[in-house]
């Protein structure tokens, strides 16, 4: 009985890590859910930058739904690090590998409450994501809240950090 429970726990932990790898790349999502909060302090350049980040989020969502590992490889920085809902650290290589394996299947995702904040060439995105999908036959559907950090390097946006939390 103990061995069976241990194997099930290991399987569950592996599933959560792989799920998180995919969620780490998951951000994007429809512009109608993005809070741009135009303030008097936002100039046209800042508004354009926010639109660029929102577009990167949209492309990321499409890459997740279509299991596009090449997009993930291009948009995650070499020093990328993610923290899973269980507190595990995930690297770029692990995230790209999880995408390439095809073990994760997303049926749908809906992102809401997205906010983009700019700090020079750094953008911090926070949002809620309602996902439906399976990994190795196990359902991982549910609500998550996440933070993704994008940095513009050599004119291209890359994700340098991601953290997700399961919500109710």
Protein backbone atom coordinates (compact mmCIF):
# COMPACT_ATOMS: atom_id res chain seq x y z
CA UNK A 1 0.00 0.00 0.00
CA UNK A 2 2.80 2.43 0.80
CA UNK A 3 4.56 1.70 -2.50
CA UNK A 4 1.38 2.39 -4.47
CA UNK A 5 0.83 5.70 -2.67
CA UNK A 6 4.48 6.69 -3.29
CA UNK A 7 4.21 5.92 -7.01
CA UNK A 8 0.95 7.88 -7.25
CA UNK A 9 2.52 10.86 -5.46
CA UNK A 10 5.55 10.77 -7.76
CA UNK A 11 3.25 10.62 -10.78
CA UNK A 12 1.16 13.51 -9.48
CA UNK A 13 4.28 15.61 -8.77
CA UNK A 14 5.59 14.90 -12.29
CA UNK A 15 2.25 15.91 -13.78
CA UNK A 16 2.17 19.14 -11.82
CA UNK A 17 5.72 20.02 -12.92
CA UNK A 18 4.90 19.37 -16.59
CA UNK A 19 1.62 21.27 -16.28
CA UNK A 20 3.46 24.20 -14.82
CA UNK A 21 6.02 24.12 -17.62
CA UNK A 22 3.22 24.63 -20.08
CA UNK A 23 1.43 27.18 -17.98
CA UNK A 24 4.68 29.07 -17.71
CA UNK A 25 4.48 29.69 -21.35
CA UNK A 26 0.81 30.37 -21.20
CA UNK A 27 0.07 33.89 -20.92
CA UNK A 28 -1.56 35.58 -23.43
CA UNK A 29 -4.77 36.04 -24.28
CA UNK A 30 -7.38 38.15 -25.75
CA UNK A 31 -6.93 41.87 -25.76
CA UNK A 32 -10.45 42.44 -24.50
CA UNK A 33 -9.33 41.09 -21.14
CA UNK A 34 -6.30 43.33 -20.80
CA UNK A 35 -6.36 46.29 -18.48
CA UNK A 36 -4.35 49.00 -20.18
CA UNK A 37 -5.50 51.66 -17.70
CA UNK A 38 -4.51 54.64 -19.81
CA UNK A 39 -3.42 57.36 -17.43
CA UNK A 40 -2.31 60.85 -18.14
CA UNK A 41 1.27 59.63 -17.57
CA UNK A 42 1.09 57.12 -20.45
CA UNK A 43 2.45 58.49 -23.67
CA UNK A 44 2.00 57.00 -27.12
CA UNK A 45 5.29 55.04 -26.88
CA UNK A 46 4.20 53.41 -23.61
CA UNK A 47 0.82 52.51 -25.09
CA UNK A 48 2.57 50.94 -28.10
CA UNK A 49 4.86 48.95 -25.80
CA UNK A 50 1.87 47.66 -23.85
CA UNK A 51 0.25 46.58 -27.12
CA UNK A 52 3.46 44.72 -28.06
CA UNK A 53 3.45 42.83 -24.75
CA UNK A 54 -0.24 42.00 -25.09
CA UNK A 55 0.49 40.65 -28.58
CA UNK A 56 3.32 38.50 -27.17
CA UNK A 57 0.84 37.13 -24.63
CA UNK A 58 -1.62 36.33 -27.45
CA UNK A 59 1.07 34.57 -29.47
CA UNK A 60 2.11 32.60 -26.40
CA UNK A 61 -1.44 31.38 -25.93
CA UNK A 62 -1.61 30.24 -29.56
CA UNK A 63 1.75 28.47 -29.19
CA UNK A 64 0.46 26.59 -26.14
CA UNK A 65 -2.77 25.54 -27.83
CA UNK A 66 -0.82 24.34 -30.89
CA UNK A 67 2.13 22.89 -28.91
CA UNK A 68 4.64 25.13 -30.75
CA UNK A 69 7.95 24.35 -29.02
CA UNK A 70 9.91 26.52 -31.47
CA UNK A 71 8.01 29.64 -30.37
CA UNK A 72 8.67 28.72 -26.74
CA UNK A 73 12.36 28.25 -27.43
CA UNK A 74 12.59 31.66 -29.14
CA UNK A 75 10.69 33.62 -26.50
CA UNK A 76 12.12 32.18 -23.28
CA UNK A 77 15.42 33.78 -22.25
CA UNK A 78 18.39 31.48 -21.65
CA UNK A 79 18.30 32.47 -17.96
CA UNK A 80 14.52 31.90 -17.71
CA UNK A 81 13.27 30.51 -14.42
CA UNK A 82 9.77 29.59 -13.36
CA UNK A 83 8.28 28.65 -10.01
CA UNK A 84 5.52 26.03 -10.12
CA UNK A 85 2.42 26.04 -7.92
CA UNK A 86 4.27 23.44 -5.80
CA UNK A 87 7.34 25.68 -5.44
CA UNK A 88 9.55 23.77 -7.87
CA UNK A 89 12.04 25.61 -10.10
CA UNK A 90 11.74 25.03 -13.85
CA UNK A 91 14.28 26.08 -16.51
CA UNK A 92 13.95 27.00 -20.18
CA UNK A 93 15.22 23.58 -21.25
CA UNK A 94 12.63 21.77 -19.10
CA UNK A 95 9.83 23.98 -20.38
CA UNK A 96 10.77 23.50 -24.05
CA UNK A 97 11.15 19.74 -23.52
CA UNK A 98 7.70 19.52 -21.94
CA UNK A 99 6.22 21.34 -24.93
CA UNK A 100 8.01 19.12 -27.46
CA UNK A 101 6.91 15.90 -25.74
CA UNK A 102 3.26 16.51 -26.57
CA UNK A 103 2.22 14.96 -23.27
CA UNK A 104 0.31 18.12 -22.41
CA UNK A 105 -2.89 18.88 -24.28
CA UNK A 106 -4.82 22.09 -23.83
CA UNK A 107 -8.47 22.10 -24.88
CA UNK A 108 -9.02 25.74 -24.01
CA UNK A 109 -7.78 28.66 -21.94
CA UNK A 110 -9.40 31.90 -20.98
CA UNK A 111 -7.32 34.70 -19.53
CA UNK A 112 -8.94 37.54 -17.60
CA UNK A 113 -7.94 40.37 -15.33
CA UNK A 114 -4.70 40.94 -17.25
CA UNK A 115 -2.67 43.96 -16.23
CA UNK A 116 0.56 45.06 -17.94
CA UNK A 117 2.95 47.34 -16.03
CA UNK A 118 6.06 48.82 -17.65
CA UNK A 119 9.46 49.54 -16.11
CA UNK A 120 11.69 50.66 -18.96
CA UNK A 121 12.46 47.61 -21.10
CA UNK A 122 10.75 45.32 -18.56
CA UNK A 123 7.05 44.45 -18.52
CA UNK A 124 5.30 42.68 -15.66
CA UNK A 125 2.08 40.89 -16.60
CA UNK A 126 -0.39 39.62 -14.01
CA UNK A 127 -3.57 37.74 -14.88
CA UNK A 128 -5.99 34.93 -14.13
CA UNK A 129 -6.17 31.89 -16.39
CA UNK A 130 -8.96 29.31 -16.59
CA UNK A 131 -7.51 26.29 -18.40
CA UNK A 132 -8.88 22.95 -19.54
CA UNK A 133 -6.49 20.22 -20.47
CA UNK A 134 -4.89 16.86 -19.79
CA UNK A 135 -1.38 15.67 -19.15
CA UNK A 136 -0.61 11.97 -19.43
CA UNK A 137 -4.35 11.36 -19.18
CA UNK A 138 -4.71 13.35 -15.96
CA UNK A 139 -6.96 16.41 -15.90
CA UNK A 140 -5.24 19.65 -14.84
CA UNK A 141 -8.15 21.97 -15.53
CA UNK A 142 -8.69 24.84 -13.16
CA UNK A 143 -8.11 28.44 -12.23
CA UNK A 144 -4.63 29.91 -11.88
CA UNK A 145 -3.21 33.35 -11.15
CA UNK A 146 0.16 34.11 -12.68
CA UNK A 147 2.90 36.70 -13.04
CA UNK A 148 5.14 36.78 -16.12
CA UNK A 149 8.12 39.10 -16.56
CA UNK A 150 9.11 40.11 -20.09
CA UNK A 151 12.37 41.90 -20.93
CA UNK A 152 13.11 43.59 -24.27
CA UNK A 153 16.60 42.58 -25.39
CA UNK A 154 18.00 43.61 -28.76
CA UNK A 155 14.52 44.71 -29.82
CA UNK A 156 12.84 41.36 -28.97
CA UNK A 157 10.64 40.47 -26.01
CA UNK A 158 11.66 37.42 -23.96
CA UNK A 159 10.19 35.91 -20.83
CA UNK A 160 12.72 35.83 -17.98
CA UNK A 161 10.48 34.75 -15.12
CA UNK A 162 7.11 33.14 -14.46
CA UNK A 163 5.22 32.13 -11.35
CA UNK A 164 1.78 30.50 -11.08
CA UNK A 165 -0.55 29.80 -8.19
CA UNK A 166 -3.65 27.63 -8.14
CA UNK A 167 -6.72 29.62 -7.16
CA UNK A 168 -10.31 28.78 -6.38
